[in-house]
N, C-alpha and C. Protein backbone atom coordinates (compact mmCIF):
# COMPACT_ATOMS: atom_id res chain seq x y z
N MET A 1 -29.26 43.83 -36.81
CA MET A 1 -28.78 44.56 -37.66
C MET A 1 -29.29 43.28 -38.98
N LYS A 2 -29.61 44.12 -40.10
CA LYS A 2 -30.10 43.16 -41.33
C LYS A 2 -28.76 42.90 -41.83
N HIS A 3 -28.66 41.62 -42.57
CA HIS A 3 -27.42 41.32 -43.09
C HIS A 3 -28.14 40.62 -45.09
N ILE A 4 -27.38 40.55 -45.53
CA ILE A 4 -27.90 40.57 -46.94
C ILE A 4 -26.94 39.45 -47.48
N LEU A 5 -27.10 38.47 -47.72
CA LEU A 5 -26.41 37.16 -48.28
C LEU A 5 -26.84 37.03 -49.63
N SER A 6 -25.38 36.49 -50.33
CA SER A 6 -25.54 35.98 -51.61
C SER A 6 -25.18 34.82 -51.39
N VAL A 7 -25.98 33.75 -51.83
CA VAL A 7 -25.48 32.46 -51.81
C VAL A 7 -25.43 31.63 -52.95
N LEU A 8 -24.42 31.04 -53.49
CA LEU A 8 -24.34 30.21 -54.85
C LEU A 8 -24.61 28.68 -54.27
N VAL A 9 -25.71 28.13 -54.93
CA VAL A 9 -26.04 26.77 -54.17
C VAL A 9 -26.14 25.88 -55.76
N GLU A 10 -25.90 24.61 -55.40
CA GLU A 10 -26.30 23.36 -56.52
C GLU A 10 -27.97 23.85 -56.70
N ASN A 11 -28.08 23.74 -57.88
CA ASN A 11 -29.91 23.71 -58.49
C ASN A 11 -30.33 22.36 -58.64
N LYS A 12 -30.84 22.04 -57.60
CA LYS A 12 -31.19 20.65 -57.08
C LYS A 12 -32.27 20.56 -56.24
N PRO A 13 -33.10 19.79 -56.32
CA PRO A 13 -34.52 19.71 -54.93
C PRO A 13 -33.70 19.76 -53.85
N GLY A 14 -34.44 19.90 -52.76
CA GLY A 14 -33.97 19.97 -51.47
C GLY A 14 -32.97 20.73 -50.74
N VAL A 15 -32.25 21.54 -51.53
CA VAL A 15 -31.17 22.41 -50.96
C VAL A 15 -31.85 23.66 -50.51
N LEU A 16 -33.08 24.42 -50.98
CA LEU A 16 -33.43 25.37 -50.58
C LEU A 16 -33.93 25.15 -48.93
N SER A 17 -34.52 23.76 -49.07
CA SER A 17 -35.02 23.33 -47.66
C SER A 17 -33.78 23.46 -46.74
N ARG A 18 -32.75 22.62 -47.12
CA ARG A 18 -31.68 22.43 -46.24
C ARG A 18 -31.19 23.76 -45.71
N VAL A 19 -31.00 25.03 -46.78
CA VAL A 19 -30.59 26.40 -46.31
C VAL A 19 -31.35 27.22 -45.53
N THR A 20 -32.46 26.90 -45.71
CA THR A 20 -33.60 27.65 -44.92
C THR A 20 -33.66 26.90 -43.34
N GLY A 21 -33.82 25.78 -43.39
CA GLY A 21 -33.76 24.83 -42.16
C GLY A 21 -32.69 25.08 -41.54
N MET A 22 -31.52 25.24 -41.72
CA MET A 22 -30.39 25.48 -41.23
C MET A 22 -30.44 26.90 -40.62
N ILE A 23 -30.70 27.82 -41.13
CA ILE A 23 -30.75 29.11 -40.40
C ILE A 23 -32.40 28.92 -39.39
N SER A 24 -33.31 28.65 -39.83
CA SER A 24 -34.22 28.67 -39.08
C SER A 24 -33.96 27.93 -37.66
N ARG A 25 -33.33 26.71 -37.72
CA ARG A 25 -33.09 26.02 -36.72
C ARG A 25 -32.12 26.59 -35.54
N ARG A 26 -31.28 27.56 -35.94
CA ARG A 26 -30.60 28.50 -34.95
C ARG A 26 -31.26 29.46 -34.28
N GLY A 27 -32.71 29.85 -34.61
CA GLY A 27 -33.39 30.72 -34.02
C GLY A 27 -33.29 32.15 -35.08
N PHE A 28 -32.98 32.18 -36.09
CA PHE A 28 -32.83 33.41 -36.99
C PHE A 28 -34.10 33.79 -37.80
N ASN A 29 -34.71 34.66 -38.09
CA ASN A 29 -36.04 34.57 -39.07
C ASN A 29 -35.39 35.32 -40.22
N ILE A 30 -35.84 34.88 -41.07
CA ILE A 30 -35.47 35.17 -42.38
C ILE A 30 -36.40 36.31 -43.10
N GLY A 31 -35.74 37.62 -43.38
CA GLY A 31 -36.93 38.43 -43.60
C GLY A 31 -37.22 38.61 -45.22
N SER A 32 -36.35 38.10 -45.62
CA SER A 32 -36.53 37.99 -47.27
C SER A 32 -35.55 36.97 -47.69
N LEU A 33 -36.31 36.04 -48.90
CA LEU A 33 -35.71 35.16 -49.79
C LEU A 33 -35.96 34.83 -51.41
N THR A 34 -35.05 35.15 -51.80
CA THR A 34 -35.14 35.08 -53.36
C THR A 34 -34.56 33.98 -53.87
N VAL A 35 -34.88 32.84 -54.84
CA VAL A 35 -33.86 31.98 -55.28
C VAL A 35 -34.61 31.79 -56.87
N ALA A 36 -33.46 31.71 -57.68
CA ALA A 36 -33.06 31.63 -59.19
C ALA A 36 -32.03 31.20 -59.81
N PRO A 37 -32.32 30.21 -60.54
CA PRO A 37 -31.13 29.71 -61.33
C PRO A 37 -30.44 30.62 -61.97
N THR A 38 -28.87 30.69 -62.23
CA THR A 38 -28.29 31.81 -62.21
C THR A 38 -27.82 31.50 -63.97
N GLU A 39 -27.09 31.87 -64.57
CA GLU A 39 -26.62 31.86 -65.99
C GLU A 39 -26.15 30.32 -66.38
N ASP A 40 -25.53 29.81 -65.20
CA ASP A 40 -25.49 28.51 -65.49
C ASP A 40 -26.62 27.67 -64.71
N GLN A 41 -27.16 26.85 -65.53
CA GLN A 41 -28.33 26.02 -65.19
C GLN A 41 -28.48 25.08 -64.02
N ASN A 42 -27.10 24.69 -63.76
CA ASN A 42 -26.68 23.58 -62.39
C ASN A 42 -26.56 24.36 -61.02
N LEU A 43 -26.47 25.61 -61.23
CA LEU A 43 -26.43 26.53 -59.84
C LEU A 43 -27.55 27.70 -59.76
N SER A 44 -28.02 27.78 -58.75
CA SER A 44 -28.99 29.19 -58.32
C SER A 44 -28.48 29.72 -57.35
N ARG A 45 -29.07 31.15 -57.46
CA ARG A 45 -28.57 32.03 -56.43
C ARG A 45 -29.52 32.45 -55.37
N MET A 46 -29.48 32.04 -53.84
CA MET A 46 -30.09 32.95 -53.00
C MET A 46 -29.73 34.10 -52.68
N THR A 47 -30.78 34.97 -52.59
CA THR A 47 -30.46 36.34 -51.78
C THR A 47 -31.47 36.47 -50.46
N ILE A 48 -30.63 36.17 -49.32
CA ILE A 48 -31.01 35.91 -48.14
C ILE A 48 -31.21 36.92 -46.94
N ILE A 49 -32.35 37.80 -46.83
CA ILE A 49 -32.13 38.96 -45.56
C ILE A 49 -32.37 38.40 -44.51
N VAL A 50 -31.33 38.32 -43.36
CA VAL A 50 -31.30 38.11 -42.17
C VAL A 50 -30.96 38.89 -41.19
N GLU A 51 -31.93 38.99 -40.14
CA GLU A 51 -31.82 39.86 -39.04
C GLU A 51 -30.95 38.96 -37.83
N ALA A 52 -29.52 39.55 -37.67
CA ALA A 52 -28.95 38.71 -36.69
C ALA A 52 -27.79 40.03 -36.19
N ASP A 53 -27.48 39.47 -34.96
CA ASP A 53 -26.16 40.46 -34.65
C ASP A 53 -24.74 39.76 -35.13
N ASP A 54 -23.87 40.56 -35.08
CA ASP A 54 -22.41 39.84 -35.63
C ASP A 54 -22.08 38.58 -35.35
N VAL A 55 -22.21 38.12 -33.99
CA VAL A 55 -21.93 36.56 -33.63
C VAL A 55 -22.95 35.80 -34.26
N GLY A 56 -24.03 35.92 -34.33
CA GLY A 56 -25.35 35.17 -34.76
C GLY A 56 -24.84 35.07 -36.65
N PHE A 57 -24.33 36.42 -37.04
CA PHE A 57 -24.53 36.07 -38.67
C PHE A 57 -23.17 35.52 -38.85
N GLU A 58 -22.12 35.47 -37.96
CA GLU A 58 -20.87 34.57 -38.29
C GLU A 58 -21.57 33.16 -38.27
N GLN A 59 -22.18 32.78 -37.22
CA GLN A 59 -22.82 31.51 -37.01
C GLN A 59 -23.22 30.97 -38.21
N ILE A 60 -24.05 31.72 -38.77
CA ILE A 60 -24.71 31.57 -40.14
C ILE A 60 -23.89 31.22 -41.01
N THR A 61 -22.99 32.11 -41.46
CA THR A 61 -22.32 31.82 -42.55
C THR A 61 -21.42 30.55 -42.32
N LYS A 62 -20.80 30.57 -41.14
CA LYS A 62 -20.01 29.06 -40.81
C LYS A 62 -20.67 27.85 -41.04
N GLN A 63 -22.17 27.90 -40.83
CA GLN A 63 -22.90 26.70 -40.84
C GLN A 63 -23.21 26.48 -42.64
N LEU A 64 -23.78 27.45 -42.83
CA LEU A 64 -23.90 27.53 -44.42
C LEU A 64 -22.52 27.04 -44.97
N HIS A 65 -21.52 27.35 -44.76
CA HIS A 65 -20.20 26.84 -45.39
C HIS A 65 -20.18 25.23 -45.21
N LYS A 66 -20.49 24.57 -44.24
CA LYS A 66 -20.60 23.07 -43.78
C LYS A 66 -21.56 22.42 -44.86
N LEU A 67 -22.36 23.04 -45.53
CA LEU A 67 -23.48 22.50 -46.34
C LEU A 67 -22.92 22.12 -47.63
N VAL A 68 -22.81 20.84 -48.21
CA VAL A 68 -22.26 20.16 -49.47
C VAL A 68 -22.68 21.29 -50.44
N SER A 69 -23.96 21.47 -50.58
CA SER A 69 -24.39 22.09 -51.80
C SER A 69 -24.17 23.28 -51.70
N VAL A 70 -23.75 24.22 -50.74
CA VAL A 70 -23.18 25.67 -50.86
C VAL A 70 -21.71 25.88 -51.22
N PHE A 71 -21.70 26.75 -52.69
CA PHE A 71 -20.36 26.74 -53.13
C PHE A 71 -19.80 28.25 -52.79
N LYS A 72 -20.50 29.10 -52.71
CA LYS A 72 -19.92 30.46 -52.29
C LYS A 72 -21.15 31.12 -51.63
N ILE A 73 -20.53 31.99 -50.52
CA ILE A 73 -21.32 33.07 -49.94
C ILE A 73 -20.76 34.45 -49.65
N SER A 74 -21.52 35.22 -50.05
CA SER A 74 -21.30 36.73 -50.07
C SER A 74 -21.67 37.10 -49.20
N ASP A 75 -21.39 38.28 -48.53
CA ASP A 75 -22.06 39.35 -47.45
C ASP A 75 -21.89 40.54 -47.93
N LEU A 76 -23.25 40.73 -48.78
CA LEU A 76 -23.28 42.11 -49.30
C LEU A 76 -23.78 43.30 -48.54
N THR A 77 -23.88 43.18 -47.41
CA THR A 77 -24.42 44.08 -46.29
C THR A 77 -23.62 44.98 -46.49
N GLU A 78 -22.35 45.49 -46.50
CA GLU A 78 -21.55 46.71 -46.34
C GLU A 78 -20.93 46.65 -47.59
N ASP A 79 -21.15 46.01 -48.47
CA ASP A 79 -20.68 46.33 -49.81
C ASP A 79 -21.52 47.28 -50.34
N ASP A 80 -20.97 47.46 -51.65
CA ASP A 80 -21.39 48.49 -52.70
C ASP A 80 -22.05 47.75 -53.66
N ALA A 81 -23.22 47.49 -53.14
CA ALA A 81 -24.18 46.30 -54.14
C ALA A 81 -25.42 46.84 -54.48
N ILE A 82 -25.67 46.30 -55.64
CA ILE A 82 -26.93 46.61 -56.26
C ILE A 82 -27.84 46.08 -55.70
N GLU A 83 -29.14 46.49 -55.20
CA GLU A 83 -30.08 46.26 -54.22
C GLU A 83 -31.59 46.36 -55.17
N ARG A 84 -32.48 45.16 -55.50
CA ARG A 84 -33.91 45.82 -56.24
C ARG A 84 -35.04 44.57 -55.39
N GLU A 85 -36.19 45.41 -55.65
CA GLU A 85 -37.30 44.41 -55.57
C GLU A 85 -38.28 44.89 -56.45
N LEU A 86 -39.06 43.90 -56.61
CA LEU A 86 -40.34 43.95 -57.38
C LEU A 86 -41.58 44.05 -56.93
N VAL A 87 -42.48 45.02 -56.72
CA VAL A 87 -43.65 45.20 -56.22
C VAL A 87 -44.83 45.17 -57.31
N LEU A 88 -45.85 44.47 -57.14
CA LEU A 88 -47.40 44.66 -57.82
C LEU A 88 -48.15 45.16 -57.01
N PHE A 89 -48.80 46.48 -57.46
CA PHE A 89 -49.97 47.14 -56.60
C PHE A 89 -51.28 46.91 -57.58
N LYS A 90 -52.20 46.63 -56.92
CA LYS A 90 -53.56 46.71 -57.44
C LYS A 90 -54.21 47.70 -56.78
N VAL A 91 -54.65 48.95 -57.27
CA VAL A 91 -55.04 50.18 -56.65
C VAL A 91 -56.31 50.46 -57.25
N GLN A 92 -57.21 50.75 -55.97
CA GLN A 92 -58.63 51.13 -56.48
C GLN A 92 -58.79 52.61 -56.98
N CYS A 93 -59.44 52.64 -57.90
CA CYS A 93 -59.72 54.07 -58.79
C CYS A 93 -60.62 54.37 -59.48
N THR A 94 -61.34 55.38 -59.75
CA THR A 94 -62.67 55.50 -60.53
C THR A 94 -61.87 55.88 -61.61
N PRO A 95 -62.38 55.80 -62.65
CA PRO A 95 -62.15 56.23 -63.72
C PRO A 95 -61.77 57.81 -64.10
N GLU A 96 -62.64 59.00 -63.19
CA GLU A 96 -62.21 59.93 -63.00
C GLU A 96 -60.61 60.26 -62.61
N ARG A 97 -60.40 59.34 -61.60
CA ARG A 97 -58.99 59.52 -60.97
C ARG A 97 -57.80 58.75 -61.25
N ARG A 98 -57.87 58.13 -62.45
CA ARG A 98 -57.15 56.99 -63.09
C ARG A 98 -55.93 57.67 -63.50
N HIS A 99 -56.22 58.99 -64.18
CA HIS A 99 -54.85 59.91 -64.47
C HIS A 99 -54.06 60.06 -63.18
N GLU A 100 -54.45 60.47 -62.44
CA GLU A 100 -53.69 60.77 -61.10
C GLU A 100 -52.71 59.32 -60.78
N ILE A 101 -53.17 58.41 -60.56
CA ILE A 101 -52.15 57.09 -60.74
C ILE A 101 -51.55 56.94 -61.47
N ILE A 102 -51.59 57.09 -62.60
CA ILE A 102 -50.94 57.00 -63.73
C ILE A 102 -49.51 58.31 -63.76
N GLU A 103 -49.97 59.07 -63.33
CA GLU A 103 -48.81 60.19 -63.14
C GLU A 103 -48.19 59.72 -62.30
N ILE A 104 -48.37 59.10 -60.85
CA ILE A 104 -47.76 58.90 -59.80
C ILE A 104 -46.93 57.75 -60.26
N ALA A 105 -47.01 56.82 -60.73
CA ALA A 105 -46.72 55.60 -61.58
C ALA A 105 -45.79 56.11 -62.30
N GLY A 106 -45.81 56.96 -63.13
CA GLY A 106 -44.79 57.68 -64.36
C GLY A 106 -43.69 58.30 -63.44
N VAL A 107 -43.74 59.17 -62.34
CA VAL A 107 -42.88 59.57 -61.46
C VAL A 107 -41.91 58.65 -61.15
N PHE A 108 -42.51 57.65 -60.73
CA PHE A 108 -41.64 56.31 -59.96
C PHE A 108 -41.09 55.27 -60.88
N ARG A 109 -41.09 55.78 -62.33
CA ARG A 109 -40.65 54.74 -63.31
C ARG A 109 -41.46 53.39 -63.13
N ALA A 110 -42.70 53.63 -63.06
CA ALA A 110 -43.25 52.28 -62.69
C ALA A 110 -44.35 52.01 -63.92
N ASN A 111 -44.62 50.75 -64.54
CA ASN A 111 -45.40 50.45 -65.39
C ASN A 111 -46.81 50.05 -64.90
N ILE A 112 -47.89 50.33 -65.63
CA ILE A 112 -49.29 50.07 -65.68
C ILE A 112 -49.32 48.46 -66.35
N VAL A 113 -49.87 47.44 -65.80
CA VAL A 113 -49.77 46.12 -66.41
C VAL A 113 -51.02 45.64 -66.52
N ASP A 114 -52.17 46.34 -65.92
CA ASP A 114 -53.30 45.71 -65.87
C ASP A 114 -54.48 46.84 -65.48
N VAL A 115 -55.67 47.01 -66.52
CA VAL A 115 -56.34 48.10 -65.98
C VAL A 115 -57.88 47.42 -65.98
N GLY A 116 -58.31 47.31 -64.85
CA GLY A 116 -59.61 47.25 -64.61
C GLY A 116 -60.78 48.16 -64.54
N LYS A 117 -62.17 47.79 -64.13
CA LYS A 117 -63.28 48.62 -64.16
C LYS A 117 -62.93 49.95 -63.08
N ASN A 118 -62.50 49.16 -62.01
CA ASN A 118 -62.27 50.29 -60.78
C ASN A 118 -60.97 50.28 -60.05
N THR A 119 -59.82 49.49 -60.86
CA THR A 119 -58.45 49.42 -60.60
C THR A 119 -57.68 49.74 -61.33
N LEU A 120 -56.49 50.01 -60.88
CA LEU A 120 -55.22 49.57 -62.11
C LEU A 120 -54.37 48.84 -60.97
N THR A 121 -53.48 47.81 -61.97
CA THR A 121 -52.20 47.28 -61.34
C THR A 121 -50.84 48.04 -62.09
N VAL A 122 -50.14 48.06 -60.89
CA VAL A 122 -48.81 48.78 -61.13
C VAL A 122 -47.55 47.95 -60.58
N GLU A 123 -46.51 48.00 -61.68
CA GLU A 123 -45.42 46.92 -61.19
C GLU A 123 -44.38 47.94 -61.05
N ALA A 124 -43.80 47.74 -60.20
CA ALA A 124 -42.32 48.95 -59.98
C ALA A 124 -41.37 48.00 -59.22
N THR A 125 -40.06 48.63 -59.56
CA THR A 125 -39.02 47.89 -59.10
C THR A 125 -38.18 49.29 -58.47
N GLY A 126 -37.28 48.43 -57.75
CA GLY A 126 -36.37 50.00 -57.18
C GLY A 126 -35.99 49.41 -55.79
N THR A 127 -35.64 50.32 -54.92
CA THR A 127 -34.76 50.04 -53.34
C THR A 127 -35.78 49.82 -52.91
N GLU A 128 -36.07 49.65 -51.61
CA GLU A 128 -37.20 49.39 -50.50
C GLU A 128 -37.56 50.35 -50.09
N SER A 129 -36.94 51.87 -50.14
CA SER A 129 -37.45 53.00 -49.57
C SER A 129 -37.92 53.54 -51.07
N LYS A 130 -37.72 53.36 -51.90
CA LYS A 130 -38.30 53.95 -53.19
C LYS A 130 -39.96 53.25 -53.30
N LEU A 131 -39.89 51.87 -53.03
CA LEU A 131 -41.18 51.17 -53.07
C LEU A 131 -42.15 51.57 -52.13
N ASP A 132 -41.51 51.59 -50.92
CA ASP A 132 -42.22 51.71 -49.76
C ASP A 132 -42.53 53.41 -49.76
N ALA A 133 -42.16 54.44 -50.67
CA ALA A 133 -42.92 55.58 -50.65
C ALA A 133 -43.95 55.59 -51.77
N LEU A 134 -43.85 54.86 -52.61
CA LEU A 134 -44.76 54.75 -53.56
C LEU A 134 -46.27 53.89 -53.15
N GLU A 135 -45.90 52.93 -52.18
CA GLU A 135 -46.90 52.29 -51.48
C GLU A 135 -47.34 53.41 -50.50
N ASP A 136 -46.56 54.24 -49.66
CA ASP A 136 -47.55 55.59 -49.14
C ASP A 136 -48.28 56.15 -49.99
N LEU A 137 -47.81 56.61 -51.02
CA LEU A 137 -48.80 57.52 -51.99
C LEU A 137 -50.11 56.68 -52.19
N PHE A 138 -50.01 55.59 -52.94
CA PHE A 138 -51.17 54.63 -53.35
C PHE A 138 -52.16 54.29 -52.31
N ARG A 139 -51.43 54.44 -51.03
CA ARG A 139 -52.61 53.99 -49.63
C ARG A 139 -53.83 54.93 -49.52
N SER A 140 -53.65 55.90 -50.19
CA SER A 140 -54.88 57.14 -50.06
C SER A 140 -55.49 56.61 -50.70
N TYR A 141 -55.36 56.17 -52.13
CA TYR A 141 -56.43 55.78 -53.12
C TYR A 141 -56.89 54.38 -52.55
N GLY A 142 -56.33 53.56 -51.76
CA GLY A 142 -57.06 52.27 -51.56
C GLY A 142 -56.08 50.92 -52.17
N ILE A 143 -55.34 50.14 -51.37
CA ILE A 143 -54.62 49.03 -52.21
C ILE A 143 -55.51 48.06 -51.95
N ARG A 144 -55.95 47.35 -53.26
CA ARG A 144 -56.80 46.57 -53.04
C ARG A 144 -55.78 45.11 -52.94
N GLN A 145 -54.72 45.07 -53.93
CA GLN A 145 -53.67 44.02 -53.51
C GLN A 145 -52.29 44.34 -53.82
N LEU A 146 -51.40 43.71 -52.61
CA LEU A 146 -50.01 44.10 -53.06
C LEU A 146 -49.04 42.86 -52.93
N THR A 147 -47.82 42.70 -53.70
CA THR A 147 -47.04 41.69 -53.15
C THR A 147 -45.77 42.00 -53.56
N ARG A 148 -44.98 41.60 -53.09
CA ARG A 148 -43.64 41.97 -52.98
C ARG A 148 -42.63 40.72 -53.18
N THR A 149 -41.64 40.78 -54.03
CA THR A 149 -40.65 39.67 -54.56
C THR A 149 -39.76 39.52 -53.00
N GLY A 150 -39.34 40.41 -52.66
CA GLY A 150 -38.14 40.69 -51.67
C GLY A 150 -36.93 40.95 -52.02
N LYS A 151 -36.00 41.56 -51.73
CA LYS A 151 -34.78 41.88 -52.16
C LYS A 151 -34.09 40.69 -52.97
N ILE A 152 -33.30 41.42 -53.91
CA ILE A 152 -32.14 40.84 -54.83
C ILE A 152 -31.17 41.60 -54.84
N ALA A 153 -29.82 40.91 -54.78
CA ALA A 153 -28.81 41.80 -54.83
C ALA A 153 -27.81 41.39 -55.51
N MET A 154 -26.89 42.09 -55.92
CA MET A 154 -25.50 41.54 -56.48
C MET A 154 -24.41 42.78 -56.46
N SER A 155 -23.26 42.29 -56.25
CA SER A 155 -22.06 42.92 -56.05
C SER A 155 -21.86 43.96 -57.17
N ARG A 156 -21.50 44.90 -57.39
CA ARG A 156 -21.07 45.98 -58.40
C ARG A 156 -19.88 45.36 -59.22
N GLY A 157 -19.59 46.20 -60.08
CA GLY A 157 -18.82 45.71 -61.26
C GLY A 157 -17.18 45.04 -60.91
N HIS A 158 -16.84 45.49 -59.53
CA HIS A 158 -15.81 44.76 -59.14
C HIS A 158 -15.58 43.14 -58.84
N ASP A 159 -15.24 42.55 -59.96
CA ASP A 159 -15.20 40.76 -59.49
C ASP A 159 -14.37 40.64 -58.66
N GLN A 160 -14.85 39.32 -57.98
CA GLN A 160 -14.06 38.79 -57.01
C GLN A 160 -13.63 37.59 -57.35
């Protein structure tokens, strides 16, 4: 099962390495990882997607709690959480078909961020399923390049 962890850590060198090393040393693969400073520049929030059964997931959270630089761990897997990803697509297109890609981007509320002679670069944010659907549509035109941020997540309005 995929688990979504939101981990509040010290914003210092080496913390990312210690957290990811602890997870990988126990034989778990990180499916997605995002890290950025929070509203407090001394803290960073890590969003970690990890595939593990319940026992393995419990082991991960217990080990994370032991790390001095970890302040708070939230399991957003079952929560009513807001999840988003960012993706950039460089889509192959001829000038004659450019309008089709622009229309598709519009339906998905995506933005055209660059126009080349034979390509359009599209920026889209949303859920994993939304971005997967957009990717499937763009595949028929030819995707020259694609990059995804990985998931970020936050619990909804009910503060804990």
